[in-house]
Amino acid sequence: MPDTIIRVLIVDDHPMVAEGIQSILESFEDIDVVGTLSNGQEAVDQATHLKPDVILMDLNMPGLSGLSATEIILERLPDTRILILSMHDSPEYISTALSHGAKGYVLKDVPTEEIKQAIDAVMRGERYLCTGASGSLEPKDGNTREALTGREQTILLELAQGKSNKEVAQSLDISVRTVETHRKNIKRKLGISSTAGLTRYALEHGVLQGTSPGF
């Protein structure tokens, strides 16, 4: 038996995906799959009890998204390493996941051995981006998009729900002027000019799920 057992939690709303990954990982002697969950809320509720070393987190799930779950879990269990598992290789997805505290990003179509490599890397304290993910983060034509900060993500969620600047300011206990500044920065970073565009971005990137845009 290996000296150190890595406790892994799998969070994915597709049972076949979760079971497939579990089957692969359980073939390694140094990995113990402590659970498979189907949404972000379950992950938040059970992470403290299960105490995983690594969480493989899907991005787009019903209810609480993988990004929101990642942020909440890391507030409670800052030593947990979270690896995002996703079908999406766009720079926006990857940079946003990393800005939320994820230690790595792995596409679901990678060879099975690469998931183990990713787990080993984050356990060593390294950041891991699979080949497709790291390639999409490389600057194109000398122009790379800035990632949103945690505060900007929060304000994006509020705005995408149809709230006015004043309502967002009251909700977050900040000034309207501060909201306006953040709003301008969000639009500039994302290259989006309208509030409807912000809502669409939020929906497409798992920031806003199961919520009416309010327009």
N, C-alpha and C. Protein backbone atom coordinates (compact mmCIF):
# COMPACT_ATOMS: atom_id res chain seq x y z
N MET A 1 0.84 -1.21 0.00
CA MET A 1 0.00 0.00 0.00
C MET A 1 0.87 1.25 0.00
N PRO A 2 0.48 2.28 -0.75
CA PRO A 2 1.25 3.53 -0.76
C PRO A 2 1.20 4.24 0.59
N ASP A 3 2.21 5.07 0.86
CA ASP A 3 2.27 5.79 2.14
C ASP A 3 1.13 6.78 2.29
N THR A 4 0.79 7.46 1.21
CA THR A 4 -0.23 8.50 1.28
C THR A 4 -1.39 8.18 0.34
N ILE A 5 -2.60 8.20 0.88
CA ILE A 5 -3.80 7.98 0.08
C ILE A 5 -4.44 9.33 -0.23
N ILE A 6 -4.72 9.56 -1.50
CA ILE A 6 -5.35 10.83 -1.92
C ILE A 6 -6.87 10.63 -1.95
N ARG A 7 -7.55 11.43 -1.14
CA ARG A 7 -9.01 11.35 -1.07
C ARG A 7 -9.61 12.24 -2.16
N VAL A 8 -10.39 11.64 -3.06
CA VAL A 8 -10.92 12.36 -4.22
C VAL A 8 -12.45 12.34 -4.19
N LEU A 9 -13.05 13.51 -4.42
CA LEU A 9 -14.50 13.63 -4.54
C LEU A 9 -14.82 14.03 -5.98
N ILE A 10 -15.78 13.35 -6.60
CA ILE A 10 -16.18 13.63 -7.98
C ILE A 10 -17.55 14.30 -7.97
N VAL A 11 -17.65 15.47 -8.64
CA VAL A 11 -18.92 16.19 -8.69
C VAL A 11 -19.28 16.43 -10.15
N ASP A 12 -20.27 15.71 -10.64
CA ASP A 12 -20.69 15.83 -12.04
C ASP A 12 -22.14 15.37 -12.15
N ASP A 13 -22.96 16.13 -12.89
CA ASP A 13 -24.39 15.79 -12.96
C ASP A 13 -24.69 14.72 -14.00
N HIS A 14 -23.67 14.19 -14.66
CA HIS A 14 -23.87 13.08 -15.59
C HIS A 14 -23.35 11.79 -14.94
N PRO A 15 -24.25 10.91 -14.50
CA PRO A 15 -23.83 9.71 -13.77
C PRO A 15 -22.81 8.86 -14.52
N MET A 16 -22.96 8.74 -15.83
CA MET A 16 -22.03 7.90 -16.59
C MET A 16 -20.62 8.48 -16.57
N VAL A 17 -20.54 9.82 -16.61
CA VAL A 17 -19.22 10.47 -16.55
C VAL A 17 -18.59 10.23 -15.18
N ALA A 18 -19.38 10.48 -14.13
CA ALA A 18 -18.87 10.31 -12.77
C ALA A 18 -18.44 8.87 -12.51
N GLU A 19 -19.26 7.92 -12.94
CA GLU A 19 -18.94 6.50 -12.72
C GLU A 19 -17.71 6.09 -13.51
N GLY A 20 -17.58 6.64 -14.74
CA GLY A 20 -16.41 6.33 -15.56
C GLY A 20 -15.12 6.81 -14.92
N ILE A 21 -15.15 8.04 -14.42
CA ILE A 21 -13.96 8.61 -13.76
C ILE A 21 -13.65 7.83 -12.49
N GLN A 22 -14.70 7.49 -11.74
CA GLN A 22 -14.49 6.73 -10.49
C GLN A 22 -13.82 5.40 -10.78
N SER A 23 -14.30 4.72 -11.81
CA SER A 23 -13.74 3.42 -12.18
C SER A 23 -12.26 3.53 -12.54
N ILE A 24 -11.93 4.60 -13.27
CA ILE A 24 -10.53 4.82 -13.67
C ILE A 24 -9.66 5.07 -12.44
N LEU A 25 -10.11 5.99 -11.58
CA LEU A 25 -9.30 6.40 -10.44
C LEU A 25 -9.13 5.28 -9.42
N GLU A 26 -10.15 4.44 -9.28
CA GLU A 26 -10.06 3.37 -8.29
C GLU A 26 -9.06 2.28 -8.70
N SER A 27 -8.56 2.35 -9.94
CA SER A 27 -7.54 1.40 -10.37
C SER A 27 -6.16 1.79 -9.84
N PHE A 28 -6.04 3.00 -9.29
CA PHE A 28 -4.77 3.46 -8.71
C PHE A 28 -4.77 3.21 -7.20
N GLU A 29 -3.70 2.60 -6.71
CA GLU A 29 -3.64 2.22 -5.31
C GLU A 29 -3.61 3.40 -4.35
N ASP A 30 -3.12 4.54 -4.83
CA ASP A 30 -2.98 5.69 -3.93
C ASP A 30 -4.18 6.64 -3.96
N ILE A 31 -5.29 6.21 -4.58
CA ILE A 31 -6.48 7.07 -4.65
C ILE A 31 -7.68 6.38 -4.01
N ASP A 32 -8.38 7.13 -3.18
CA ASP A 32 -9.62 6.66 -2.58
C ASP A 32 -10.73 7.63 -2.99
N VAL A 33 -11.67 7.17 -3.81
CA VAL A 33 -12.81 8.01 -4.21
C VAL A 33 -13.81 8.01 -3.06
N VAL A 34 -13.94 9.15 -2.38
CA VAL A 34 -14.77 9.21 -1.17
C VAL A 34 -16.23 9.49 -1.48
N GLY A 35 -16.54 9.82 -2.75
CA GLY A 35 -17.93 10.05 -3.11
C GLY A 35 -18.08 10.56 -4.52
N THR A 36 -19.28 10.37 -5.08
CA THR A 36 -19.65 10.98 -6.36
C THR A 36 -20.96 11.73 -6.14
N LEU A 37 -20.96 13.01 -6.42
CA LEU A 37 -22.13 13.87 -6.20
C LEU A 37 -22.58 14.46 -7.53
N SER A 38 -23.84 14.92 -7.58
CA SER A 38 -24.40 15.32 -8.87
C SER A 38 -24.61 16.82 -9.03
N ASN A 39 -24.32 17.63 -8.00
CA ASN A 39 -24.45 19.08 -8.17
C ASN A 39 -23.61 19.84 -7.15
N GLY A 40 -23.49 21.15 -7.41
CA GLY A 40 -22.65 21.98 -6.57
C GLY A 40 -23.12 22.09 -5.14
N GLN A 41 -24.44 22.12 -4.94
CA GLN A 41 -24.97 22.25 -3.58
C GLN A 41 -24.62 21.02 -2.74
N GLU A 42 -24.72 19.83 -3.34
CA GLU A 42 -24.32 18.62 -2.62
C GLU A 42 -22.85 18.67 -2.23
N ALA A 43 -22.03 19.20 -3.15
CA ALA A 43 -20.60 19.30 -2.87
C ALA A 43 -20.34 20.22 -1.69
N VAL A 44 -21.03 21.37 -1.67
CA VAL A 44 -20.89 22.32 -0.56
C VAL A 44 -21.34 21.68 0.75
N ASP A 45 -22.47 20.96 0.70
CA ASP A 45 -23.04 20.37 1.91
C ASP A 45 -22.18 19.24 2.47
N GLN A 46 -21.51 18.48 1.61
CA GLN A 46 -20.82 17.27 2.07
C GLN A 46 -19.30 17.37 2.13
N ALA A 47 -18.74 18.42 1.56
CA ALA A 47 -17.27 18.52 1.51
C ALA A 47 -16.65 18.52 2.91
N THR A 48 -17.24 19.24 3.84
CA THR A 48 -16.68 19.31 5.19
C THR A 48 -16.66 17.94 5.85
N HIS A 49 -17.70 17.16 5.60
CA HIS A 49 -17.79 15.81 6.18
C HIS A 49 -16.85 14.83 5.49
N LEU A 50 -16.78 14.90 4.15
CA LEU A 50 -15.98 13.93 3.39
C LEU A 50 -14.49 14.24 3.42
N LYS A 51 -14.15 15.53 3.62
CA LYS A 51 -12.75 15.97 3.70
C LYS A 51 -11.88 15.46 2.54
N PRO A 52 -12.26 15.75 1.30
CA PRO A 52 -11.43 15.30 0.17
C PRO A 52 -10.16 16.14 0.06
N ASP A 53 -9.10 15.52 -0.44
CA ASP A 53 -7.88 16.27 -0.75
C ASP A 53 -8.06 16.99 -2.09
N VAL A 54 -8.74 16.32 -3.02
CA VAL A 54 -8.96 16.86 -4.37
C VAL A 54 -10.43 16.69 -4.75
N ILE A 55 -11.01 17.73 -5.33
CA ILE A 55 -12.36 17.63 -5.86
C ILE A 55 -12.30 17.82 -7.37
N LEU A 56 -12.87 16.87 -8.11
CA LEU A 56 -13.04 17.01 -9.55
C LEU A 56 -14.41 17.61 -9.77
N MET A 57 -14.46 18.86 -10.20
CA MET A 57 -15.70 19.64 -10.23
C MET A 57 -16.13 19.98 -11.65
N ASP A 58 -17.34 19.53 -12.02
CA ASP A 58 -17.91 19.95 -13.30
C ASP A 58 -18.29 21.42 -13.20
N LEU A 59 -18.27 22.13 -14.33
CA LEU A 59 -18.63 23.55 -14.32
C LEU A 59 -20.13 23.78 -14.35
N ASN A 60 -20.77 23.21 -15.36
CA ASN A 60 -22.19 23.50 -15.60
C ASN A 60 -23.07 22.39 -15.04
N MET A 61 -23.70 22.70 -13.91
CA MET A 61 -24.60 21.76 -13.26
C MET A 61 -25.87 22.48 -12.84
N PRO A 62 -26.98 21.77 -12.70
CA PRO A 62 -28.22 22.42 -12.27
C PRO A 62 -28.08 22.98 -10.86
N GLY A 63 -28.78 24.09 -10.59
CA GLY A 63 -28.69 24.69 -9.27
C GLY A 63 -27.40 25.46 -9.11
N LEU A 64 -26.67 25.17 -8.05
CA LEU A 64 -25.42 25.87 -7.76
C LEU A 64 -24.34 25.43 -8.74
N SER A 65 -23.75 26.39 -9.46
CA SER A 65 -22.75 26.06 -10.48
C SER A 65 -21.45 25.61 -9.84
N GLY A 66 -20.61 24.98 -10.66
CA GLY A 66 -19.31 24.54 -10.19
C GLY A 66 -18.44 25.69 -9.71
N LEU A 67 -18.54 26.84 -10.36
CA LEU A 67 -17.75 28.01 -9.95
C LEU A 67 -18.15 28.49 -8.56
N SER A 68 -19.46 28.62 -8.34
CA SER A 68 -19.94 29.08 -7.04
C SER A 68 -19.59 28.07 -5.95
N ALA A 69 -19.76 26.79 -6.26
CA ALA A 69 -19.43 25.75 -5.29
C ALA A 69 -17.94 25.79 -4.94
N THR A 70 -17.11 26.01 -5.95
CA THR A 70 -15.66 26.09 -5.73
C THR A 70 -15.34 27.21 -4.75
N GLU A 71 -15.94 28.37 -4.97
CA GLU A 71 -15.67 29.53 -4.11
C GLU A 71 -16.09 29.26 -2.66
N ILE A 72 -17.28 28.69 -2.49
CA ILE A 72 -17.80 28.43 -1.14
C ILE A 72 -16.96 27.38 -0.42
N ILE A 73 -16.64 26.30 -1.12
CA ILE A 73 -15.85 25.23 -0.50
C ILE A 73 -14.48 25.73 -0.08
N LEU A 74 -13.84 26.53 -0.91
CA LEU A 74 -12.50 27.02 -0.58
C LEU A 74 -12.51 28.00 0.59
N GLU A 75 -13.64 28.68 0.79
CA GLU A 75 -13.76 29.54 1.98
C GLU A 75 -13.76 28.69 3.24
N ARG A 76 -14.37 27.52 3.16
CA ARG A 76 -14.50 26.64 4.34
C ARG A 76 -13.31 25.69 4.48
N LEU A 77 -12.80 25.22 3.34
CA LEU A 77 -11.70 24.24 3.33
C LEU A 77 -10.60 24.73 2.39
N PRO A 78 -9.84 25.72 2.83
CA PRO A 78 -8.87 26.37 1.92
C PRO A 78 -7.76 25.45 1.42
N ASP A 79 -7.53 24.32 2.09
CA ASP A 79 -6.46 23.43 1.65
C ASP A 79 -6.92 22.43 0.59
N THR A 80 -8.21 22.42 0.28
CA THR A 80 -8.72 21.50 -0.73
C THR A 80 -8.27 21.94 -2.11
N ARG A 81 -7.83 20.99 -2.94
CA ARG A 81 -7.45 21.31 -4.32
C ARG A 81 -8.64 21.00 -5.21
N ILE A 82 -9.08 21.97 -5.97
CA ILE A 82 -10.22 21.75 -6.86
C ILE A 82 -9.75 21.78 -8.31
N LEU A 83 -10.07 20.70 -9.01
CA LEU A 83 -9.76 20.56 -10.44
C LEU A 83 -11.07 20.67 -11.21
N ILE A 84 -11.15 21.61 -12.12
CA ILE A 84 -12.36 21.75 -12.94
C ILE A 84 -12.32 20.74 -14.08
N LEU A 85 -13.43 20.02 -14.24
CA LEU A 85 -13.61 19.10 -15.37
C LEU A 85 -14.66 19.72 -16.28
N SER A 86 -14.32 19.94 -17.53
CA SER A 86 -15.26 20.64 -18.40
C SER A 86 -15.11 20.21 -19.86
N MET A 87 -16.17 20.45 -20.63
CA MET A 87 -16.11 20.23 -22.08
C MET A 87 -15.64 21.49 -22.79
N HIS A 88 -15.61 22.63 -22.07
CA HIS A 88 -15.35 23.93 -22.68
C HIS A 88 -13.87 24.31 -22.58
N ASP A 89 -13.28 24.68 -23.71
CA ASP A 89 -11.86 25.06 -23.70
C ASP A 89 -11.65 26.55 -23.98
N SER A 90 -12.70 27.36 -23.85
CA SER A 90 -12.55 28.79 -24.13
C SER A 90 -11.75 29.46 -23.02
N PRO A 91 -10.95 30.47 -23.36
CA PRO A 91 -10.14 31.16 -22.36
C PRO A 91 -10.97 31.75 -21.23
N GLU A 92 -12.20 32.22 -21.57
CA GLU A 92 -13.05 32.83 -20.55
C GLU A 92 -13.39 31.82 -19.45
N TYR A 93 -13.76 30.62 -19.85
CA TYR A 93 -14.08 29.58 -18.87
C TYR A 93 -12.87 29.28 -17.99
N ILE A 94 -11.73 29.10 -18.63
CA ILE A 94 -10.54 28.67 -17.90
C ILE A 94 -10.04 29.74 -16.94
N SER A 95 -9.91 30.97 -17.44
CA SER A 95 -9.40 32.05 -16.59
C SER A 95 -10.37 32.34 -15.44
N THR A 96 -11.67 32.25 -15.70
CA THR A 96 -12.65 32.48 -14.65
C THR A 96 -12.56 31.40 -13.59
N ALA A 97 -12.40 30.15 -14.01
CA ALA A 97 -12.27 29.05 -13.04
C ALA A 97 -11.04 29.24 -12.16
N LEU A 98 -9.93 29.62 -12.77
CA LEU A 98 -8.69 29.83 -12.01
C LEU A 98 -8.84 31.02 -11.05
N SER A 99 -9.55 32.06 -11.49
CA SER A 99 -9.73 33.23 -10.63
C SER A 99 -10.63 32.91 -9.44
N HIS A 100 -11.44 31.86 -9.54
CA HIS A 100 -12.30 31.44 -8.44
C HIS A 100 -11.57 30.49 -7.48
N GLY A 101 -10.31 30.20 -7.76
CA GLY A 101 -9.52 29.40 -6.83
C GLY A 101 -9.21 27.98 -7.28
N ALA A 102 -9.71 27.57 -8.44
CA ALA A 102 -9.41 26.23 -8.94
C ALA A 102 -7.91 26.09 -9.18
N LYS A 103 -7.37 24.91 -8.89
CA LYS A 103 -5.93 24.67 -9.06
C LYS A 103 -5.60 24.10 -10.43
N GLY A 104 -6.64 23.72 -11.17
CA GLY A 104 -6.38 23.16 -12.48
C GLY A 104 -7.63 23.06 -13.30
N TYR A 105 -7.45 22.75 -14.58
CA TYR A 105 -8.56 22.69 -15.53
C TYR A 105 -8.27 21.56 -16.50
N VAL A 106 -9.18 20.60 -16.56
CA VAL A 106 -8.99 19.43 -17.40
C VAL A 106 -10.22 19.23 -18.28
N LEU A 107 -10.00 19.06 -19.56
CA LEU A 107 -11.11 18.81 -20.48
C LEU A 107 -11.55 17.36 -20.36
N LYS A 108 -12.85 17.14 -20.52
CA LYS A 108 -13.40 15.80 -20.29
C LYS A 108 -12.95 14.78 -21.32
N ASP A 109 -12.43 15.24 -22.45
CA ASP A 109 -12.03 14.29 -23.48
C ASP A 109 -10.54 13.95 -23.45
N VAL A 110 -9.86 14.30 -22.33
CA VAL A 110 -8.43 13.98 -22.24
C VAL A 110 -8.26 12.47 -22.01
N PRO A 111 -7.09 11.92 -22.33
CA PRO A 111 -6.83 10.51 -22.00
C PRO A 111 -7.00 10.30 -20.49
N THR A 112 -7.48 9.13 -20.12
CA THR A 112 -7.78 8.89 -18.71
C THR A 112 -6.58 9.06 -17.80
N GLU A 113 -5.39 8.73 -18.29
CA GLU A 113 -4.19 8.85 -17.45
C GLU A 113 -3.93 10.31 -17.07
N GLU A 114 -4.41 11.24 -17.90
CA GLU A 114 -4.12 12.65 -17.64
C GLU A 114 -4.86 13.16 -16.41
N ILE A 115 -6.01 12.58 -16.11
CA ILE A 115 -6.73 12.99 -14.90
C ILE A 115 -5.88 12.67 -13.68
N LYS A 116 -5.24 11.50 -13.69
CA LYS A 116 -4.35 11.13 -12.58
C LYS A 116 -3.16 12.06 -12.52
N GLN A 117 -2.61 12.41 -13.67
CA GLN A 117 -1.48 13.35 -13.70
C GLN A 117 -1.88 14.70 -13.09
N ALA A 118 -3.10 15.14 -13.41
CA ALA A 118 -3.60 16.41 -12.88
C ALA A 118 -3.73 16.36 -11.36
N ILE A 119 -4.26 15.24 -10.86
CA ILE A 119 -4.42 15.09 -9.40
C ILE A 119 -3.05 15.11 -8.72
N ASP A 120 -2.09 14.37 -9.28
CA ASP A 120 -0.75 14.34 -8.69
C ASP A 120 -0.11 15.73 -8.71
N ALA A 121 -0.33 16.47 -9.79
CA ALA A 121 0.27 17.81 -9.91
C ALA A 121 -0.27 18.76 -8.85
N VAL A 122 -1.60 18.79 -8.68
CA VAL A 122 -2.16 19.72 -7.69
C VAL A 122 -1.82 19.28 -6.27
N MET A 123 -1.64 18.00 -6.06
CA MET A 123 -1.21 17.53 -4.74
C MET A 123 0.21 17.98 -4.43
N ARG A 124 1.01 18.19 -5.48
CA ARG A 124 2.37 18.72 -5.29
C ARG A 124 2.37 20.23 -5.14
N GLY A 125 1.20 20.84 -5.21
CA GLY A 125 1.11 22.29 -5.09
C GLY A 125 1.24 23.03 -6.40
N GLU A 126 1.20 22.28 -7.52
CA GLU A 126 1.34 22.90 -8.84
C GLU A 126 -0.03 23.20 -9.44
N ARG A 127 -0.05 24.12 -10.40
CA ARG A 127 -1.26 24.35 -11.18
C ARG A 127 -1.22 23.43 -12.39
N TYR A 128 -2.37 22.88 -12.76
CA TYR A 128 -2.37 21.96 -13.90
C TYR A 128 -3.42 22.37 -14.93
N LEU A 129 -2.95 22.59 -16.15
CA LEU A 129 -3.85 22.84 -17.27
C LEU A 129 -3.57 21.78 -18.32
N CYS A 130 -4.61 21.04 -18.74
CA CYS A 130 -4.38 20.04 -19.77
C CYS A 130 -3.98 20.74 -21.08
N THR A 131 -3.49 19.98 -22.02
CA THR A 131 -2.93 20.56 -23.24
C THR A 131 -3.91 21.49 -23.95
N GLY A 132 -5.15 21.05 -24.14
CA GLY A 132 -6.14 21.88 -24.82
C GLY A 132 -6.45 23.15 -24.06
N ALA A 133 -6.47 23.05 -22.71
CA ALA A 133 -6.79 24.22 -21.90
C ALA A 133 -5.65 25.22 -21.89
N SER A 134 -4.42 24.74 -21.73
CA SER A 134 -3.29 25.68 -21.68
C SER A 134 -3.10 26.36 -23.04
N GLY A 135 -3.37 25.63 -24.11
CA GLY A 135 -3.23 26.22 -25.44
C GLY A 135 -4.20 27.35 -25.67
N SER A 136 -5.41 27.22 -25.13
CA SER A 136 -6.42 28.25 -25.36
C SER A 136 -6.15 29.50 -24.55
N LEU A 137 -5.25 29.41 -23.56
CA LEU A 137 -4.92 30.59 -22.76
C LEU A 137 -3.75 31.38 -23.35
N GLU A 138 -3.11 30.82 -24.36
CA GLU A 138 -2.00 31.53 -24.98
C GLU A 138 -2.50 32.77 -25.71
N PRO A 139 -1.81 33.90 -25.58
CA PRO A 139 -2.25 35.12 -26.25
C PRO A 139 -2.36 34.94 -27.76
N LYS A 140 -3.41 35.46 -28.31
CA LYS A 140 -3.61 35.40 -29.76
C LYS A 140 -3.51 36.83 -30.32
N ASP A 141 -2.64 37.02 -31.29
CA ASP A 141 -2.43 38.34 -31.89
C ASP A 141 -2.04 39.37 -30.85
N GLY A 142 -1.34 38.92 -29.83
CA GLY A 142 -0.86 39.83 -28.80
C GLY A 142 -1.96 40.39 -27.92
N ASN A 143 -3.15 39.81 -27.98
CA ASN A 143 -4.25 40.36 -27.20
C ASN A 143 -4.93 39.25 -26.41
N THR A 144 -4.83 39.31 -25.08
CA THR A 144 -5.47 38.30 -24.24
C THR A 144 -6.47 38.99 -23.31
N ARG A 145 -7.58 38.35 -23.07
CA ARG A 145 -8.65 38.94 -22.27
C ARG A 145 -8.35 38.80 -20.78
N GLU A 146 -8.59 39.88 -20.05
CA GLU A 146 -8.37 39.85 -18.61
C GLU A 146 -9.47 39.03 -17.93
N ALA A 147 -9.10 38.34 -16.84
CA ALA A 147 -10.09 37.60 -16.07
C ALA A 147 -10.83 38.55 -15.12
N LEU A 148 -12.08 38.23 -14.85
CA LEU A 148 -12.84 39.02 -13.88
C LEU A 148 -12.37 38.70 -12.47
N THR A 149 -12.36 39.71 -11.61
CA THR A 149 -12.04 39.48 -10.21
C THR A 149 -13.26 38.86 -9.52
N GLY A 150 -13.05 38.37 -8.30
CA GLY A 150 -14.17 37.79 -7.55
C GLY A 150 -15.30 38.79 -7.35
N ARG A 151 -14.95 40.04 -7.05
CA ARG A 151 -15.96 41.09 -6.85
C ARG A 151 -16.71 41.35 -8.15
N GLU A 152 -15.99 41.39 -9.26
CA GLU A 152 -16.64 41.61 -10.55
C GLU A 152 -17.58 40.46 -10.91
N GLN A 153 -17.18 39.24 -10.56
CA GLN A 153 -18.06 38.09 -10.78
C GLN A 153 -19.36 38.25 -9.99
N THR A 154 -19.24 38.69 -8.74
CA THR A 154 -20.42 38.89 -7.89
C THR A 154 -21.34 39.95 -8.50
N ILE A 155 -20.75 41.05 -8.94
CA ILE A 155 -21.56 42.13 -9.50
C ILE A 155 -22.17 41.70 -10.84
N LEU A 156 -21.42 40.92 -11.63
CA LEU A 156 -21.97 40.39 -12.88
C LEU A 156 -23.23 39.56 -12.59
N LEU A 157 -23.17 38.73 -11.57
CA LEU A 157 -24.33 37.91 -11.22
C LEU A 157 -25.52 38.78 -10.84
N GLU A 158 -25.27 39.81 -10.07
CA GLU A 158 -26.36 40.72 -9.65
C GLU A 158 -26.95 41.43 -10.86
N LEU A 159 -26.10 41.95 -11.72
CA LEU A 159 -26.58 42.68 -12.90
C LEU A 159 -27.34 41.76 -13.84
N ALA A 160 -26.85 40.54 -13.99
CA ALA A 160 -27.48 39.59 -14.90
C ALA A 160 -28.86 39.16 -14.43
N GLN A 161 -29.14 39.36 -13.16
CA GLN A 161 -30.48 39.06 -12.62
C GLN A 161 -31.45 40.22 -12.85
N GLY A 162 -30.96 41.25 -13.54
CA GLY A 162 -31.83 42.36 -13.89
C GLY A 162 -31.85 43.48 -12.87
N LYS A 163 -30.94 43.47 -11.91
CA LYS A 163 -30.91 44.51 -10.89
C LYS A 163 -30.29 45.79 -11.43
N SER A 164 -30.77 46.92 -10.93
CA SER A 164 -30.20 48.22 -11.30
C SER A 164 -28.91 48.44 -10.52
N ASN A 165 -28.15 49.46 -10.94
CA ASN A 165 -26.93 49.80 -10.21
C ASN A 165 -27.23 50.09 -8.75
N LYS A 166 -28.35 50.80 -8.51
CA LYS A 166 -28.72 51.16 -7.14
C LYS A 166 -29.04 49.92 -6.32
N GLU A 167 -29.77 48.98 -6.92
CA GLU A 167 -30.12 47.74 -6.21
C GLU A 167 -28.89 46.90 -5.90
N VAL A 168 -27.95 46.86 -6.84
CA VAL A 168 -26.71 46.12 -6.61
C VAL A 168 -25.92 46.77 -5.48
N ALA A 169 -25.86 48.10 -5.49
CA ALA A 169 -25.14 48.84 -4.44
C ALA A 169 -25.72 48.54 -3.07
N GLN A 170 -27.06 48.53 -2.98
CA GLN A 170 -27.71 48.24 -1.70
C GLN A 170 -27.45 46.80 -1.27
N SER A 171 -27.51 45.87 -2.22
CA SER A 171 -27.31 44.46 -1.91
C SER A 171 -25.91 44.18 -1.38
N LEU A 172 -24.91 44.84 -1.96
CA LEU A 172 -23.51 44.58 -1.61
C LEU A 172 -22.94 45.61 -0.63
N ASP A 173 -23.79 46.58 -0.25
CA ASP A 173 -23.39 47.64 0.69
C ASP A 173 -22.17 48.41 0.18
N ILE A 174 -22.25 48.83 -1.10
CA ILE A 174 -21.22 49.67 -1.69
C ILE A 174 -21.92 50.84 -2.38
N SER A 175 -21.16 51.81 -2.84
CA SER A 175 -21.76 52.98 -3.46
C SER A 175 -22.17 52.69 -4.90
N VAL A 176 -23.13 53.47 -5.39
CA VAL A 176 -23.57 53.34 -6.78
C VAL A 176 -22.41 53.62 -7.72
N ARG A 177 -21.59 54.61 -7.36
CA ARG A 177 -20.43 54.95 -8.19
C ARG A 177 -19.47 53.75 -8.33
N THR A 178 -19.29 53.01 -7.23
CA THR A 178 -18.42 51.83 -7.26
C THR A 178 -18.99 50.76 -8.18
N VAL A 179 -20.32 50.57 -8.13
CA VAL A 179 -20.97 49.61 -9.01
C VAL A 179 -20.77 50.02 -10.46
N GLU A 180 -20.95 51.31 -10.74
CA GLU A 180 -20.79 51.80 -12.12
C GLU A 180 -19.38 51.54 -12.63
N THR A 181 -18.39 51.76 -11.75
CA THR A 181 -16.99 51.52 -12.14
C THR A 181 -16.76 50.06 -12.46
N HIS A 182 -17.26 49.18 -11.56
CA HIS A 182 -17.12 47.74 -11.79
C HIS A 182 -17.83 47.32 -13.08
N ARG A 183 -18.99 47.90 -13.30
CA ARG A 183 -19.78 47.55 -14.49
C ARG A 183 -19.01 47.90 -15.77
N LYS A 184 -18.39 49.07 -15.78
CA LYS A 184 -17.59 49.48 -16.94
C LYS A 184 -16.42 48.52 -17.15
N ASN A 185 -15.76 48.15 -16.04
CA ASN A 185 -14.61 47.25 -16.14
C ASN A 185 -15.03 45.88 -16.66
N ILE A 186 -16.18 45.38 -16.18
CA ILE A 186 -16.68 44.07 -16.62
C ILE A 186 -16.94 44.09 -18.12
N LYS A 187 -17.63 45.15 -18.57
CA LYS A 187 -17.95 45.25 -20.01
C LYS A 187 -16.68 45.36 -20.84
N ARG A 188 -15.71 46.11 -20.32
CA ARG A 188 -14.45 46.27 -21.06
C ARG A 188 -13.71 44.94 -21.16
N LYS A 189 -13.60 44.23 -20.03
CA LYS A 189 -12.87 42.97 -20.02
C LYS A 189 -13.53 41.91 -20.90
N LEU A 190 -14.85 41.89 -20.90
CA LEU A 190 -15.57 40.86 -21.65
C LEU A 190 -15.86 41.28 -23.08
N GLY A 191 -15.65 42.57 -23.39
CA GLY A 191 -15.95 43.05 -24.73
C GLY A 191 -17.44 43.06 -25.01
N ILE A 192 -18.23 43.36 -23.96
CA ILE A 192 -19.69 43.35 -24.06
C ILE A 192 -20.20 44.76 -23.79
N SER A 193 -21.14 45.22 -24.62
CA SER A 193 -21.60 46.61 -24.48
C SER A 193 -22.96 46.76 -23.82
N SER A 194 -23.74 45.68 -23.77
CA SER A 194 -25.11 45.80 -23.23
C SER A 194 -25.32 44.92 -22.01
N THR A 195 -26.32 45.28 -21.21
CA THR A 195 -26.68 44.47 -20.04
C THR A 195 -27.23 43.11 -20.48
N ALA A 196 -27.97 43.11 -21.59
CA ALA A 196 -28.48 41.84 -22.11
C ALA A 196 -27.31 40.92 -22.48
N GLY A 197 -26.25 41.51 -23.00
CA GLY A 197 -25.05 40.74 -23.33
C GLY A 197 -24.39 40.15 -22.09
N LEU A 198 -24.40 40.92 -20.99
CA LEU A 198 -23.86 40.42 -19.72
C LEU A 198 -24.67 39.23 -19.24
N THR A 199 -25.98 39.31 -19.36
CA THR A 199 -26.85 38.21 -18.94
C THR A 199 -26.57 36.96 -19.76
N ARG A 200 -26.43 37.16 -21.06
CA ARG A 200 -26.17 36.03 -21.94
C ARG A 200 -24.82 35.37 -21.58
N TYR A 201 -23.81 36.21 -21.32
CA TYR A 201 -22.49 35.70 -20.92
C TYR A 201 -22.61 34.90 -19.63
N ALA A 202 -23.36 35.44 -18.66
CA ALA A 202 -23.51 34.78 -17.37
C ALA A 202 -24.19 33.42 -17.52
N LEU A 203 -25.20 33.36 -18.37
CA LEU A 203 -25.89 32.09 -18.62
C LEU A 203 -24.98 31.08 -19.29
N GLU A 204 -24.25 31.53 -20.30
CA GLU A 204 -23.40 30.63 -21.08
C GLU A 204 -22.20 30.12 -20.28
N HIS A 205 -21.79 30.87 -19.26
CA HIS A 205 -20.59 30.51 -18.52
C HIS A 205 -20.89 29.95 -17.13
N GLY A 206 -22.15 29.58 -16.90
CA GLY A 206 -22.47 28.91 -15.65
C GLY A 206 -22.51 29.82 -14.43
N VAL A 207 -22.41 31.15 -14.64
CA VAL A 207 -22.48 32.08 -13.52
C VAL A 207 -23.94 32.22 -13.07
N LEU A 208 -24.83 32.20 -14.04
CA LEU A 208 -26.25 32.41 -13.78
C LEU A 208 -27.00 31.20 -14.30
N GLN A 209 -27.50 30.37 -13.40
CA GLN A 209 -28.19 29.15 -13.83
C GLN A 209 -29.54 29.05 -13.13
N GLY A 210 -30.55 28.69 -13.91
CA GLY A 210 -31.87 28.54 -13.34
C GLY A 210 -32.49 29.84 -12.89
N THR A 211 -31.98 30.97 -13.40
CA THR A 211 -32.48 32.29 -13.00
C THR A 211 -33.01 33.02 -14.21
N SER A 212 -34.13 33.65 -14.07
CA SER A 212 -34.67 34.43 -15.18
C SER A 212 -33.85 35.68 -15.38
N PRO A 213 -33.50 36.01 -16.61
CA PRO A 213 -32.71 37.21 -16.86
C PRO A 213 -33.39 38.48 -16.38
N GLY A 214 -34.70 38.50 -16.34
CA GLY A 214 -35.40 39.66 -15.81
C GLY A 214 -35.56 40.77 -16.80
N PHE A 215 -35.56 40.47 -18.08
CA PHE A 215 -35.75 41.51 -19.09
C PHE A 215 -37.06 41.31 -19.81
